[in-house]
Amino acid sequence: LVGRYPPRPAMDEIIALQAALATAQAKTSSVRLSESNVIELVNKLKSIGLLDNTLLYTLNGKEYLTELRLDEEIRREVTLRGGRVQITDLPPALNVDVVHCERRARVLASDKANEIDLVEGELITPKYFDDVAKEIDEELREYGVVQVGELARRHQVSHELMTKEIRKRMLGQGSNREDSTTRSSPKTNAIDGVLESGSVYTPEYVRRIKAQLR
């Protein structure tokens, strides 16, 4: 059993802190264990290996949270923001250091089951580009043509990324989904048009232009 328990001096400190906690709990509800004592207890438990490093400290110094809880909060934040969030926007929103946010973002993006991708410093879900596809389809119905460059500027993504995501959602023009930057379910908000030379257009638009040139 040697090595399974912390050294005697460390154990004595833990016992003393536990005694302080028990004393505080035994008193009236107006008495609380101080934040400094709680922090001291948690840090001591971490230093002797009774708590692992998955317990994270918040920016305001008032709370601890686990990595799993941070993962849940990141997923929720992505959902609340319509399927897209900058990594740098997570610390003030979640009260957690950017180092932890970046590390857990990479973990979330590495698991395909989460349907979250880390792209150009942002977490993006297929839903975000599904909504973009719906927007494109509505504009095609009204104008007949949409410029990919304009869409990229409007949504502040690269031209290459926007092209890939549009191509994935084209009716009859779908590319291999595994090669795309982000994942999406088939037939989700498909775009009824043609993607060519940096433009998305409808056959009706081409016929109308040809008729005007006659």
N, C-alpha and C. Protein backbone atom coordinates (compact mmCIF):
# COMPACT_ATOMS: atom_id res chain seq x y z
N LEU A 1 0.81 -1.22 0.00
CA LEU A 1 0.00 0.00 0.00
C LEU A 1 0.85 1.27 0.00
N VAL A 2 2.19 1.09 0.09
CA VAL A 2 3.09 2.25 0.11
C VAL A 2 2.95 3.03 -1.20
N GLY A 3 2.85 4.36 -1.08
CA GLY A 3 2.76 5.19 -2.28
C GLY A 3 1.34 5.52 -2.69
N ARG A 4 0.37 4.86 -2.04
CA ARG A 4 -1.02 5.14 -2.42
C ARG A 4 -1.55 6.37 -1.72
N TYR A 5 -0.95 6.80 -0.65
CA TYR A 5 -1.43 7.92 0.12
C TYR A 5 -0.42 9.06 0.10
N PRO A 6 -0.85 10.32 0.28
CA PRO A 6 0.07 11.45 0.28
C PRO A 6 0.97 11.42 1.49
N PRO A 7 2.14 12.11 1.45
CA PRO A 7 3.04 12.18 2.59
C PRO A 7 2.33 12.71 3.83
N ARG A 8 2.85 12.34 5.01
CA ARG A 8 2.19 12.69 6.26
C ARG A 8 1.99 14.20 6.44
N PRO A 9 3.02 15.05 6.15
CA PRO A 9 2.79 16.50 6.31
C PRO A 9 1.65 17.01 5.45
N ALA A 10 1.58 16.54 4.18
CA ALA A 10 0.50 16.97 3.29
C ALA A 10 -0.83 16.47 3.82
N MET A 11 -0.84 15.25 4.33
CA MET A 11 -2.08 14.68 4.87
C MET A 11 -2.56 15.48 6.08
N ASP A 12 -1.61 15.94 6.91
CA ASP A 12 -1.98 16.74 8.07
C ASP A 12 -2.64 18.05 7.64
N GLU A 13 -2.11 18.65 6.56
CA GLU A 13 -2.70 19.90 6.06
C GLU A 13 -4.11 19.67 5.56
N ILE A 14 -4.31 18.55 4.87
CA ILE A 14 -5.64 18.23 4.35
C ILE A 14 -6.62 18.02 5.50
N ILE A 15 -6.16 17.31 6.54
CA ILE A 15 -7.02 17.05 7.69
C ILE A 15 -7.42 18.36 8.36
N ALA A 16 -6.45 19.28 8.47
CA ALA A 16 -6.73 20.57 9.08
C ALA A 16 -7.75 21.36 8.26
N LEU A 17 -7.60 21.34 6.93
CA LEU A 17 -8.55 22.05 6.07
C LEU A 17 -9.93 21.41 6.14
N GLN A 18 -9.98 20.08 6.18
CA GLN A 18 -11.25 19.39 6.31
C GLN A 18 -11.93 19.72 7.63
N ALA A 19 -11.12 19.85 8.68
CA ALA A 19 -11.67 20.21 9.99
C ALA A 19 -12.28 21.61 9.95
N ALA A 20 -11.58 22.52 9.25
CA ALA A 20 -12.12 23.88 9.10
C ALA A 20 -13.44 23.87 8.35
N LEU A 21 -13.49 23.03 7.32
CA LEU A 21 -14.73 22.92 6.55
C LEU A 21 -15.85 22.36 7.40
N ALA A 22 -15.56 21.32 8.18
CA ALA A 22 -16.57 20.72 9.04
C ALA A 22 -17.06 21.70 10.09
N THR A 23 -16.15 22.50 10.63
CA THR A 23 -16.53 23.50 11.63
C THR A 23 -17.46 24.54 11.03
N ALA A 24 -17.12 24.99 9.83
CA ALA A 24 -17.95 26.00 9.16
C ALA A 24 -19.33 25.45 8.85
N GLN A 25 -19.39 24.21 8.42
CA GLN A 25 -20.68 23.60 8.10
C GLN A 25 -21.54 23.39 9.33
N ALA A 26 -20.88 23.19 10.49
CA ALA A 26 -21.63 22.93 11.72
C ALA A 26 -22.24 24.20 12.30
N LYS A 27 -21.72 25.37 11.89
CA LYS A 27 -22.23 26.63 12.39
C LYS A 27 -23.48 27.07 11.63
N THR A 28 -23.99 28.24 11.97
CA THR A 28 -25.19 28.75 11.32
C THR A 28 -24.90 29.02 9.85
N SER A 29 -25.98 29.17 9.08
CA SER A 29 -25.85 29.35 7.63
C SER A 29 -25.14 30.64 7.27
N SER A 30 -25.03 31.59 8.21
CA SER A 30 -24.35 32.85 7.92
C SER A 30 -22.84 32.69 7.86
N VAL A 31 -22.33 31.54 8.33
CA VAL A 31 -20.90 31.29 8.33
C VAL A 31 -20.54 30.43 7.13
N ARG A 32 -19.56 30.84 6.39
CA ARG A 32 -19.14 30.10 5.21
C ARG A 32 -17.62 29.94 5.21
N LEU A 33 -17.14 28.85 4.65
CA LEU A 33 -15.71 28.67 4.45
C LEU A 33 -15.24 29.72 3.45
N SER A 34 -14.15 30.40 3.75
CA SER A 34 -13.68 31.47 2.88
C SER A 34 -13.23 30.94 1.53
N GLU A 35 -13.29 31.81 0.53
CA GLU A 35 -12.85 31.42 -0.81
C GLU A 35 -11.38 31.02 -0.80
N SER A 36 -10.57 31.73 -0.01
CA SER A 36 -9.14 31.42 0.04
C SER A 36 -8.90 30.02 0.60
N ASN A 37 -9.71 29.61 1.58
CA ASN A 37 -9.57 28.27 2.14
C ASN A 37 -9.98 27.19 1.14
N VAL A 38 -11.04 27.48 0.38
CA VAL A 38 -11.48 26.52 -0.64
C VAL A 38 -10.40 26.36 -1.70
N ILE A 39 -9.87 27.49 -2.15
CA ILE A 39 -8.81 27.46 -3.17
C ILE A 39 -7.59 26.71 -2.65
N GLU A 40 -7.25 26.97 -1.38
CA GLU A 40 -6.10 26.30 -0.78
C GLU A 40 -6.32 24.79 -0.73
N LEU A 41 -7.53 24.38 -0.36
CA LEU A 41 -7.84 22.96 -0.29
C LEU A 41 -7.76 22.30 -1.66
N VAL A 42 -8.36 22.93 -2.65
CA VAL A 42 -8.36 22.36 -4.00
C VAL A 42 -6.95 22.29 -4.56
N ASN A 43 -6.18 23.36 -4.38
CA ASN A 43 -4.81 23.36 -4.89
C ASN A 43 -3.95 22.30 -4.21
N LYS A 44 -4.17 22.10 -2.91
CA LYS A 44 -3.42 21.07 -2.20
C LYS A 44 -3.78 19.68 -2.71
N LEU A 45 -5.06 19.44 -2.96
CA LEU A 45 -5.50 18.15 -3.49
C LEU A 45 -4.91 17.90 -4.88
N LYS A 46 -4.81 18.97 -5.68
CA LYS A 46 -4.22 18.82 -7.01
C LYS A 46 -2.71 18.57 -6.92
N SER A 47 -2.04 19.26 -6.00
CA SER A 47 -0.59 19.13 -5.90
C SER A 47 -0.15 17.75 -5.46
N ILE A 48 -0.98 17.05 -4.69
CA ILE A 48 -0.60 15.71 -4.22
C ILE A 48 -1.25 14.61 -5.06
N GLY A 49 -1.92 15.03 -6.16
CA GLY A 49 -2.42 14.04 -7.10
C GLY A 49 -3.77 13.46 -6.80
N LEU A 50 -4.49 14.02 -5.81
CA LEU A 50 -5.83 13.51 -5.50
C LEU A 50 -6.89 14.14 -6.43
N LEU A 51 -6.53 15.22 -7.08
CA LEU A 51 -7.36 15.81 -8.14
C LEU A 51 -6.46 15.99 -9.36
N ASP A 52 -6.95 15.60 -10.54
CA ASP A 52 -6.09 15.73 -11.72
C ASP A 52 -6.21 17.12 -12.34
N ASN A 53 -5.44 17.34 -13.39
CA ASN A 53 -5.38 18.66 -14.01
C ASN A 53 -6.56 18.98 -14.91
N THR A 54 -7.54 18.10 -14.96
CA THR A 54 -8.74 18.40 -15.74
C THR A 54 -9.63 19.38 -15.01
N LEU A 55 -9.29 19.70 -13.77
CA LEU A 55 -10.04 20.72 -13.03
C LEU A 55 -9.44 22.08 -13.35
N LEU A 56 -10.23 22.96 -13.95
CA LEU A 56 -9.74 24.24 -14.45
C LEU A 56 -10.23 25.40 -13.59
N TYR A 57 -9.41 26.42 -13.50
CA TYR A 57 -9.71 27.62 -12.71
C TYR A 57 -10.33 28.67 -13.62
N THR A 58 -11.39 29.35 -13.17
CA THR A 58 -12.02 30.38 -13.97
C THR A 58 -11.24 31.69 -13.90
N LEU A 59 -11.52 32.60 -14.83
CA LEU A 59 -10.77 33.85 -14.89
C LEU A 59 -10.99 34.73 -13.67
N ASN A 60 -12.20 34.73 -13.12
CA ASN A 60 -12.46 35.58 -11.96
C ASN A 60 -12.01 34.95 -10.64
N GLY A 61 -11.49 33.72 -10.71
CA GLY A 61 -10.95 33.08 -9.52
C GLY A 61 -11.97 32.61 -8.52
N LYS A 62 -13.24 32.54 -8.93
CA LYS A 62 -14.29 32.16 -7.98
C LYS A 62 -14.82 30.75 -8.18
N GLU A 63 -14.45 30.11 -9.28
CA GLU A 63 -15.00 28.80 -9.57
C GLU A 63 -13.95 27.89 -10.20
N TYR A 64 -14.18 26.59 -10.05
CA TYR A 64 -13.46 25.58 -10.79
C TYR A 64 -14.47 24.87 -11.69
N LEU A 65 -14.00 24.34 -12.79
CA LEU A 65 -14.85 23.51 -13.63
C LEU A 65 -14.01 22.43 -14.29
N THR A 66 -14.66 21.33 -14.66
CA THR A 66 -13.95 20.23 -15.30
C THR A 66 -13.85 20.48 -16.80
N GLU A 67 -12.97 19.74 -17.45
CA GLU A 67 -12.85 19.85 -18.90
C GLU A 67 -14.15 19.43 -19.58
N LEU A 68 -14.82 18.42 -19.05
CA LEU A 68 -16.08 17.99 -19.65
C LEU A 68 -17.13 19.08 -19.57
N ARG A 69 -17.16 19.79 -18.45
CA ARG A 69 -18.11 20.90 -18.31
C ARG A 69 -17.77 22.02 -19.29
N LEU A 70 -16.47 22.29 -19.46
CA LEU A 70 -16.06 23.31 -20.42
C LEU A 70 -16.47 22.91 -21.83
N ASP A 71 -16.31 21.63 -22.17
CA ASP A 71 -16.74 21.14 -23.49
C ASP A 71 -18.22 21.41 -23.71
N GLU A 72 -19.03 21.13 -22.69
CA GLU A 72 -20.47 21.36 -22.80
C GLU A 72 -20.78 22.84 -23.01
N GLU A 73 -20.07 23.69 -22.29
CA GLU A 73 -20.32 25.13 -22.40
C GLU A 73 -19.87 25.67 -23.76
N ILE A 74 -18.78 25.13 -24.29
CA ILE A 74 -18.33 25.55 -25.62
C ILE A 74 -19.37 25.15 -26.66
N ARG A 75 -19.85 23.91 -26.59
CA ARG A 75 -20.88 23.46 -27.55
C ARG A 75 -22.12 24.32 -27.45
N ARG A 76 -22.53 24.64 -26.24
CA ARG A 76 -23.71 25.48 -26.06
C ARG A 76 -23.50 26.88 -26.64
N GLU A 77 -22.30 27.43 -26.44
CA GLU A 77 -22.01 28.77 -26.97
C GLU A 77 -22.04 28.77 -28.49
N VAL A 78 -21.50 27.72 -29.11
CA VAL A 78 -21.53 27.61 -30.57
C VAL A 78 -22.98 27.58 -31.05
N THR A 79 -23.82 26.81 -30.37
CA THR A 79 -25.23 26.70 -30.75
C THR A 79 -25.94 28.04 -30.59
N LEU A 80 -25.72 28.71 -29.47
CA LEU A 80 -26.38 29.98 -29.21
C LEU A 80 -26.01 31.04 -30.23
N ARG A 81 -24.82 30.92 -30.82
CA ARG A 81 -24.35 31.92 -31.79
C ARG A 81 -24.60 31.48 -33.23
N GLY A 82 -25.52 30.54 -33.40
CA GLY A 82 -25.92 30.15 -34.75
C GLY A 82 -24.98 29.20 -35.45
N GLY A 83 -24.14 28.50 -34.68
CA GLY A 83 -23.27 27.51 -35.28
C GLY A 83 -21.88 28.00 -35.63
N ARG A 84 -21.51 29.17 -35.12
CA ARG A 84 -20.18 29.72 -35.45
C ARG A 84 -19.71 30.66 -34.34
N VAL A 85 -18.48 30.46 -33.85
CA VAL A 85 -17.95 31.35 -32.82
C VAL A 85 -16.43 31.43 -32.94
N GLN A 86 -15.90 32.63 -32.76
CA GLN A 86 -14.45 32.83 -32.72
C GLN A 86 -13.90 32.27 -31.41
N ILE A 87 -12.76 31.59 -31.48
CA ILE A 87 -12.13 31.07 -30.27
C ILE A 87 -11.86 32.21 -29.29
N THR A 88 -11.46 33.36 -29.79
CA THR A 88 -11.13 34.50 -28.93
C THR A 88 -12.37 35.08 -28.24
N ASP A 89 -13.56 34.73 -28.70
CA ASP A 89 -14.79 35.20 -28.06
C ASP A 89 -15.21 34.30 -26.90
N LEU A 90 -14.61 33.13 -26.79
CA LEU A 90 -15.01 32.18 -25.75
C LEU A 90 -14.57 32.60 -24.34
N PRO A 91 -13.32 33.08 -24.12
CA PRO A 91 -12.91 33.41 -22.75
C PRO A 91 -13.84 34.39 -22.04
N PRO A 92 -14.20 35.55 -22.64
CA PRO A 92 -15.10 36.45 -21.90
C PRO A 92 -16.51 35.87 -21.74
N ALA A 93 -16.93 35.05 -22.67
CA ALA A 93 -18.27 34.46 -22.59
C ALA A 93 -18.35 33.35 -21.55
N LEU A 94 -17.27 32.58 -21.42
CA LEU A 94 -17.28 31.41 -20.53
C LEU A 94 -16.47 31.61 -19.26
N ASN A 95 -15.76 32.74 -19.17
CA ASN A 95 -14.96 33.03 -17.97
C ASN A 95 -13.84 32.01 -17.77
N VAL A 96 -13.24 31.59 -18.89
CA VAL A 96 -12.17 30.59 -18.86
C VAL A 96 -11.02 31.08 -19.74
N ASP A 97 -9.80 30.82 -19.31
CA ASP A 97 -8.62 31.28 -20.05
C ASP A 97 -8.61 30.77 -21.48
N VAL A 98 -8.12 31.59 -22.40
CA VAL A 98 -8.11 31.24 -23.82
C VAL A 98 -7.29 29.99 -24.08
N VAL A 99 -6.26 29.73 -23.28
CA VAL A 99 -5.44 28.52 -23.46
C VAL A 99 -6.30 27.28 -23.31
N HIS A 100 -7.16 27.25 -22.29
CA HIS A 100 -8.04 26.11 -22.08
C HIS A 100 -9.09 26.03 -23.19
N CYS A 101 -9.61 27.19 -23.61
CA CYS A 101 -10.63 27.20 -24.66
C CYS A 101 -10.07 26.67 -25.98
N GLU A 102 -8.86 27.10 -26.33
CA GLU A 102 -8.23 26.63 -27.57
C GLU A 102 -7.98 25.12 -27.53
N ARG A 103 -7.49 24.66 -26.38
CA ARG A 103 -7.16 23.23 -26.26
C ARG A 103 -8.42 22.36 -26.35
N ARG A 104 -9.48 22.77 -25.67
CA ARG A 104 -10.71 21.97 -25.72
C ARG A 104 -11.41 22.11 -27.07
N ALA A 105 -11.24 23.25 -27.73
CA ALA A 105 -11.81 23.42 -29.07
C ALA A 105 -11.18 22.43 -30.04
N ARG A 106 -9.87 22.24 -29.94
CA ARG A 106 -9.19 21.28 -30.80
C ARG A 106 -9.67 19.85 -30.52
N VAL A 107 -9.88 19.56 -29.25
CA VAL A 107 -10.38 18.22 -28.89
C VAL A 107 -11.78 17.99 -29.46
N LEU A 108 -12.64 18.97 -29.32
CA LEU A 108 -14.01 18.85 -29.83
C LEU A 108 -14.00 18.67 -31.34
N ALA A 109 -13.17 19.45 -32.04
CA ALA A 109 -13.12 19.38 -33.49
C ALA A 109 -12.53 18.08 -34.00
N SER A 110 -11.72 17.44 -33.17
CA SER A 110 -11.08 16.18 -33.60
C SER A 110 -12.03 14.99 -33.57
N ASP A 111 -13.17 15.16 -32.90
CA ASP A 111 -14.16 14.07 -32.79
C ASP A 111 -15.30 14.36 -33.76
N LYS A 112 -15.43 13.57 -34.82
CA LYS A 112 -16.44 13.80 -35.84
C LYS A 112 -17.86 13.75 -35.30
N ALA A 113 -18.04 13.02 -34.19
CA ALA A 113 -19.37 12.90 -33.61
C ALA A 113 -19.91 14.25 -33.13
N ASN A 114 -19.02 15.19 -32.82
CA ASN A 114 -19.45 16.50 -32.34
C ASN A 114 -19.98 17.38 -33.46
N GLU A 115 -19.63 17.07 -34.72
CA GLU A 115 -20.04 17.89 -35.87
C GLU A 115 -19.67 19.36 -35.66
N ILE A 116 -18.46 19.56 -35.18
CA ILE A 116 -17.90 20.91 -35.01
C ILE A 116 -16.51 20.90 -35.63
N ASP A 117 -16.21 21.91 -36.43
CA ASP A 117 -14.90 22.01 -37.05
C ASP A 117 -14.18 23.28 -36.61
N LEU A 118 -12.89 23.19 -36.50
CA LEU A 118 -12.06 24.34 -36.19
C LEU A 118 -11.49 24.86 -37.49
N VAL A 119 -12.01 26.00 -37.95
CA VAL A 119 -11.67 26.53 -39.26
C VAL A 119 -11.29 28.00 -39.14
N GLU A 120 -10.06 28.31 -39.55
CA GLU A 120 -9.61 29.70 -39.58
C GLU A 120 -9.84 30.41 -38.25
N GLY A 121 -9.53 29.71 -37.14
CA GLY A 121 -9.65 30.30 -35.82
C GLY A 121 -11.06 30.35 -35.27
N GLU A 122 -11.98 29.64 -35.91
CA GLU A 122 -13.37 29.63 -35.46
C GLU A 122 -13.89 28.20 -35.34
N LEU A 123 -14.85 28.01 -34.45
CA LEU A 123 -15.59 26.76 -34.41
C LEU A 123 -16.85 26.94 -35.24
N ILE A 124 -17.05 26.06 -36.22
CA ILE A 124 -18.17 26.18 -37.14
C ILE A 124 -18.86 24.83 -37.27
N THR A 125 -20.17 24.83 -37.24
CA THR A 125 -20.94 23.61 -37.43
C THR A 125 -21.55 23.59 -38.82
N PRO A 126 -21.97 22.42 -39.30
CA PRO A 126 -22.64 22.36 -40.60
C PRO A 126 -23.88 23.23 -40.66
N LYS A 127 -24.55 23.42 -39.53
CA LYS A 127 -25.77 24.24 -39.51
C LYS A 127 -25.50 25.65 -40.01
N TYR A 128 -24.33 26.19 -39.68
CA TYR A 128 -24.04 27.55 -40.12
C TYR A 128 -24.06 27.65 -41.63
N PHE A 129 -23.37 26.73 -42.29
CA PHE A 129 -23.34 26.78 -43.76
C PHE A 129 -24.65 26.29 -44.38
N ASP A 130 -25.40 25.49 -43.65
CA ASP A 130 -26.74 25.14 -44.12
C ASP A 130 -27.61 26.40 -44.19
N ASP A 131 -27.46 27.27 -43.19
CA ASP A 131 -28.21 28.53 -43.19
C ASP A 131 -27.73 29.44 -44.32
N VAL A 132 -26.43 29.42 -44.59
CA VAL A 132 -25.90 30.19 -45.72
C VAL A 132 -26.48 29.66 -47.03
N ALA A 133 -26.57 28.34 -47.15
CA ALA A 133 -27.14 27.74 -48.36
C ALA A 133 -28.59 28.17 -48.55
N LYS A 134 -29.33 28.24 -47.46
CA LYS A 134 -30.73 28.70 -47.54
C LYS A 134 -30.78 30.15 -48.03
N GLU A 135 -29.86 30.96 -47.52
CA GLU A 135 -29.77 32.35 -47.93
C GLU A 135 -29.45 32.45 -49.43
N ILE A 136 -28.52 31.63 -49.90
CA ILE A 136 -28.15 31.63 -51.32
C ILE A 136 -29.32 31.23 -52.19
N ASP A 137 -30.02 30.19 -51.76
CA ASP A 137 -31.15 29.72 -52.56
C ASP A 137 -32.24 30.78 -52.67
N GLU A 138 -32.45 31.52 -51.59
CA GLU A 138 -33.46 32.59 -51.61
C GLU A 138 -33.03 33.71 -52.57
N GLU A 139 -31.73 34.03 -52.56
CA GLU A 139 -31.24 35.08 -53.46
C GLU A 139 -31.29 34.62 -54.91
N LEU A 140 -31.05 33.35 -55.15
CA LEU A 140 -31.14 32.83 -56.51
C LEU A 140 -32.57 32.94 -57.04
N ARG A 141 -33.52 32.69 -56.19
CA ARG A 141 -34.92 32.79 -56.60
C ARG A 141 -35.28 34.23 -56.97
N GLU A 142 -34.64 35.17 -56.29
CA GLU A 142 -34.95 36.57 -56.53
C GLU A 142 -34.13 37.18 -57.67
N TYR A 143 -32.82 36.89 -57.69
CA TYR A 143 -31.92 37.54 -58.65
C TYR A 143 -31.39 36.61 -59.74
N GLY A 144 -31.36 35.33 -59.46
CA GLY A 144 -30.88 34.38 -60.46
C GLY A 144 -29.39 34.12 -60.41
N VAL A 145 -28.62 34.99 -59.73
CA VAL A 145 -27.17 34.82 -59.66
C VAL A 145 -26.64 35.39 -58.34
N VAL A 146 -25.61 34.74 -57.80
CA VAL A 146 -24.95 35.19 -56.58
C VAL A 146 -23.45 35.02 -56.77
N GLN A 147 -22.67 36.02 -56.39
CA GLN A 147 -21.22 35.95 -56.51
C GLN A 147 -20.61 35.33 -55.25
N VAL A 148 -19.76 34.34 -55.43
CA VAL A 148 -19.13 33.66 -54.28
C VAL A 148 -18.26 34.64 -53.50
N GLY A 149 -17.53 35.51 -54.20
CA GLY A 149 -16.69 36.49 -53.53
C GLY A 149 -17.47 37.39 -52.60
N GLU A 150 -18.65 37.81 -53.03
CA GLU A 150 -19.49 38.67 -52.21
C GLU A 150 -19.99 37.91 -50.98
N LEU A 151 -20.35 36.64 -51.18
CA LEU A 151 -20.78 35.81 -50.05
C LEU A 151 -19.66 35.64 -49.04
N ALA A 152 -18.44 35.42 -49.52
CA ALA A 152 -17.28 35.24 -48.64
C ALA A 152 -17.03 36.51 -47.83
N ARG A 153 -17.11 37.68 -48.49
CA ARG A 153 -16.91 38.94 -47.77
C ARG A 153 -18.02 39.17 -46.75
N ARG A 154 -19.24 38.87 -47.14
CA ARG A 154 -20.39 39.09 -46.26
C ARG A 154 -20.29 38.25 -44.98
N HIS A 155 -19.81 37.03 -45.14
CA HIS A 155 -19.74 36.11 -43.99
C HIS A 155 -18.33 36.04 -43.39
N GLN A 156 -17.42 36.83 -43.94
CA GLN A 156 -16.06 36.93 -43.41
C GLN A 156 -15.36 35.56 -43.31
N VAL A 157 -15.38 34.86 -44.43
CA VAL A 157 -14.63 33.61 -44.56
C VAL A 157 -13.84 33.68 -45.86
N SER A 158 -12.91 32.76 -46.03
CA SER A 158 -12.12 32.77 -47.25
C SER A 158 -12.96 32.34 -48.45
N HIS A 159 -12.54 32.79 -49.63
CA HIS A 159 -13.23 32.42 -50.86
C HIS A 159 -13.19 30.90 -51.04
N GLU A 160 -12.06 30.28 -50.69
CA GLU A 160 -11.91 28.82 -50.85
C GLU A 160 -12.89 28.07 -49.96
N LEU A 161 -13.01 28.51 -48.71
CA LEU A 161 -13.93 27.83 -47.79
C LEU A 161 -15.37 27.97 -48.25
N MET A 162 -15.76 29.18 -48.65
CA MET A 162 -17.13 29.39 -49.12
C MET A 162 -17.41 28.54 -50.35
N THR A 163 -16.47 28.45 -51.27
CA THR A 163 -16.65 27.64 -52.47
C THR A 163 -16.87 26.18 -52.11
N LYS A 164 -16.05 25.66 -51.21
CA LYS A 164 -16.18 24.25 -50.79
C LYS A 164 -17.55 23.98 -50.18
N GLU A 165 -17.98 24.88 -49.31
CA GLU A 165 -19.25 24.64 -48.62
C GLU A 165 -20.44 24.79 -49.56
N ILE A 166 -20.36 25.68 -50.52
CA ILE A 166 -21.42 25.80 -51.52
C ILE A 166 -21.47 24.55 -52.38
N ARG A 167 -20.30 24.10 -52.83
CA ARG A 167 -20.25 22.92 -53.70
C ARG A 167 -20.86 21.70 -53.02
N LYS A 168 -20.64 21.57 -51.72
CA LYS A 168 -21.20 20.44 -50.98
C LYS A 168 -22.72 20.41 -51.02
N ARG A 169 -23.31 21.60 -51.17
CA ARG A 169 -24.77 21.70 -51.04
C ARG A 169 -25.47 21.95 -52.38
N MET A 170 -24.73 21.81 -53.48
CA MET A 170 -25.33 22.01 -54.79
C MET A 170 -26.13 20.78 -55.20
N LEU A 171 -27.31 20.99 -55.70
CA LEU A 171 -28.10 19.89 -56.25
C LEU A 171 -27.44 19.41 -57.53
N GLY A 172 -27.02 18.15 -57.57
CA GLY A 172 -26.42 17.58 -58.76
C GLY A 172 -24.98 17.96 -58.98
N GLN A 173 -24.41 18.81 -58.07
CA GLN A 173 -23.01 19.20 -58.21
C GLN A 173 -22.22 18.85 -56.96
N GLY A 174 -22.72 17.97 -56.14
CA GLY A 174 -22.06 17.64 -54.89
C GLY A 174 -20.71 17.00 -55.12
N SER A 175 -19.74 17.41 -54.32
CA SER A 175 -18.42 16.80 -54.36
C SER A 175 -18.31 15.77 -53.25
N ASN A 176 -17.18 15.10 -53.18
CA ASN A 176 -16.95 14.13 -52.12
C ASN A 176 -16.98 14.83 -50.78
N ARG A 177 -17.93 14.50 -49.93
CA ARG A 177 -18.10 15.20 -48.67
C ARG A 177 -16.93 15.04 -47.73
N GLU A 178 -16.21 13.93 -47.84
CA GLU A 178 -15.09 13.71 -46.94
C GLU A 178 -13.95 14.66 -47.23
N ASP A 179 -13.92 15.27 -48.44
CA ASP A 179 -12.84 16.17 -48.80
C ASP A 179 -13.12 17.61 -48.36
N SER A 180 -14.34 17.87 -47.91
CA SER A 180 -14.72 19.23 -47.57
C SER A 180 -14.21 19.60 -46.19
N THR A 181 -14.11 20.90 -45.96
CA THR A 181 -13.55 21.37 -44.70
C THR A 181 -14.46 21.05 -43.53
N THR A 182 -15.76 21.25 -43.69
CA THR A 182 -16.70 20.91 -42.64
C THR A 182 -17.68 19.88 -43.16
N ARG A 183 -18.33 19.21 -42.21
CA ARG A 183 -19.22 18.11 -42.59
C ARG A 183 -20.67 18.57 -42.63
N SER A 184 -21.47 17.90 -43.43
CA SER A 184 -22.88 18.23 -43.50
C SER A 184 -23.65 17.01 -43.95
N SER A 185 -24.88 16.92 -43.50
CA SER A 185 -25.72 15.80 -43.91
C SER A 185 -26.20 16.02 -45.33
N PRO A 186 -26.36 14.95 -46.12
CA PRO A 186 -26.83 15.08 -47.49
C PRO A 186 -28.21 15.71 -47.54
N LYS A 187 -28.49 16.43 -48.62
CA LYS A 187 -29.79 16.99 -48.92
C LYS A 187 -30.24 18.04 -47.90
N THR A 188 -29.30 18.63 -47.16
CA THR A 188 -29.64 19.66 -46.19
C THR A 188 -29.51 21.03 -46.83
N ASN A 189 -30.66 21.71 -46.97
CA ASN A 189 -30.66 23.05 -47.57
C ASN A 189 -29.88 23.10 -48.87
N ALA A 190 -30.17 22.17 -49.77
CA ALA A 190 -29.48 22.10 -51.05
C ALA A 190 -29.77 23.35 -51.88
N ILE A 191 -28.76 23.75 -52.66
CA ILE A 191 -28.87 24.95 -53.50
C ILE A 191 -29.24 24.52 -54.91
N ASP A 192 -30.31 25.05 -55.41
CA ASP A 192 -30.78 24.70 -56.75
C ASP A 192 -30.17 25.69 -57.75
N GLY A 193 -28.96 25.37 -58.19
CA GLY A 193 -28.27 26.25 -59.13
C GLY A 193 -27.01 25.59 -59.64
N VAL A 194 -26.18 26.39 -60.30
CA VAL A 194 -24.93 25.91 -60.87
C VAL A 194 -23.79 26.76 -60.33
N LEU A 195 -22.71 26.11 -59.89
CA LEU A 195 -21.53 26.83 -59.41
C LEU A 195 -20.46 26.78 -60.49
N GLU A 196 -20.08 27.96 -60.97
CA GLU A 196 -19.10 28.02 -62.06
C GLU A 196 -18.44 29.39 -62.09
N SER A 197 -17.11 29.39 -62.21
CA SER A 197 -16.32 30.61 -62.37
C SER A 197 -16.64 31.67 -61.31
N GLY A 198 -16.76 31.22 -60.07
CA GLY A 198 -16.97 32.16 -58.97
C GLY A 198 -18.38 32.68 -58.82
N SER A 199 -19.32 32.07 -59.54
CA SER A 199 -20.72 32.50 -59.45
C SER A 199 -21.62 31.30 -59.25
N VAL A 200 -22.74 31.54 -58.59
CA VAL A 200 -23.81 30.55 -58.50
C VAL A 200 -24.99 31.13 -59.25
N TYR A 201 -25.51 30.40 -60.22
CA TYR A 201 -26.61 30.94 -61.02
C TYR A 201 -27.59 29.83 -61.37
N THR A 202 -28.76 30.26 -61.80
CA THR A 202 -29.80 29.31 -62.21
C THR A 202 -29.83 29.21 -63.73
N PRO A 203 -30.31 28.09 -64.27
CA PRO A 203 -30.47 27.97 -65.73
C PRO A 203 -31.39 29.05 -66.29
N GLU A 204 -32.38 29.44 -65.51
CA GLU A 204 -33.31 30.50 -65.95
C GLU A 204 -32.57 31.82 -66.14
N TYR A 205 -31.60 32.10 -65.28
CA TYR A 205 -30.82 33.32 -65.38
C TYR A 205 -30.01 33.32 -66.68
N VAL A 206 -29.41 32.18 -67.02
CA VAL A 206 -28.63 32.07 -68.26
C VAL A 206 -29.53 32.28 -69.47
N ARG A 207 -30.70 31.67 -69.45
CA ARG A 207 -31.62 31.83 -70.59
C ARG A 207 -32.05 33.28 -70.73
N ARG A 208 -32.26 33.95 -69.60
CA ARG A 208 -32.68 35.35 -69.65
C ARG A 208 -31.60 36.24 -70.23
N ILE A 209 -30.35 35.97 -69.86
CA ILE A 209 -29.22 36.76 -70.39
C ILE A 209 -29.06 36.51 -71.90
N LYS A 210 -29.19 35.26 -72.30
CA LYS A 210 -29.07 34.93 -73.73
C LYS A 210 -30.17 35.61 -74.52
N ALA A 211 -31.37 35.66 -73.96
CA ALA A 211 -32.48 36.28 -74.66
C ALA A 211 -32.24 37.79 -74.83
N GLN A 212 -31.58 38.40 -73.85
CA GLN A 212 -31.31 39.83 -73.93
C GLN A 212 -30.24 40.14 -74.97
N LEU A 213 -29.36 39.16 -75.24
CA LEU A 213 -28.29 39.38 -76.20
C LEU A 213 -28.71 39.14 -77.65
N ARG A 214 -29.87 38.59 -77.83
CA ARG A 214 -30.32 38.32 -79.20
C ARG A 214 -30.76 39.59 -79.90
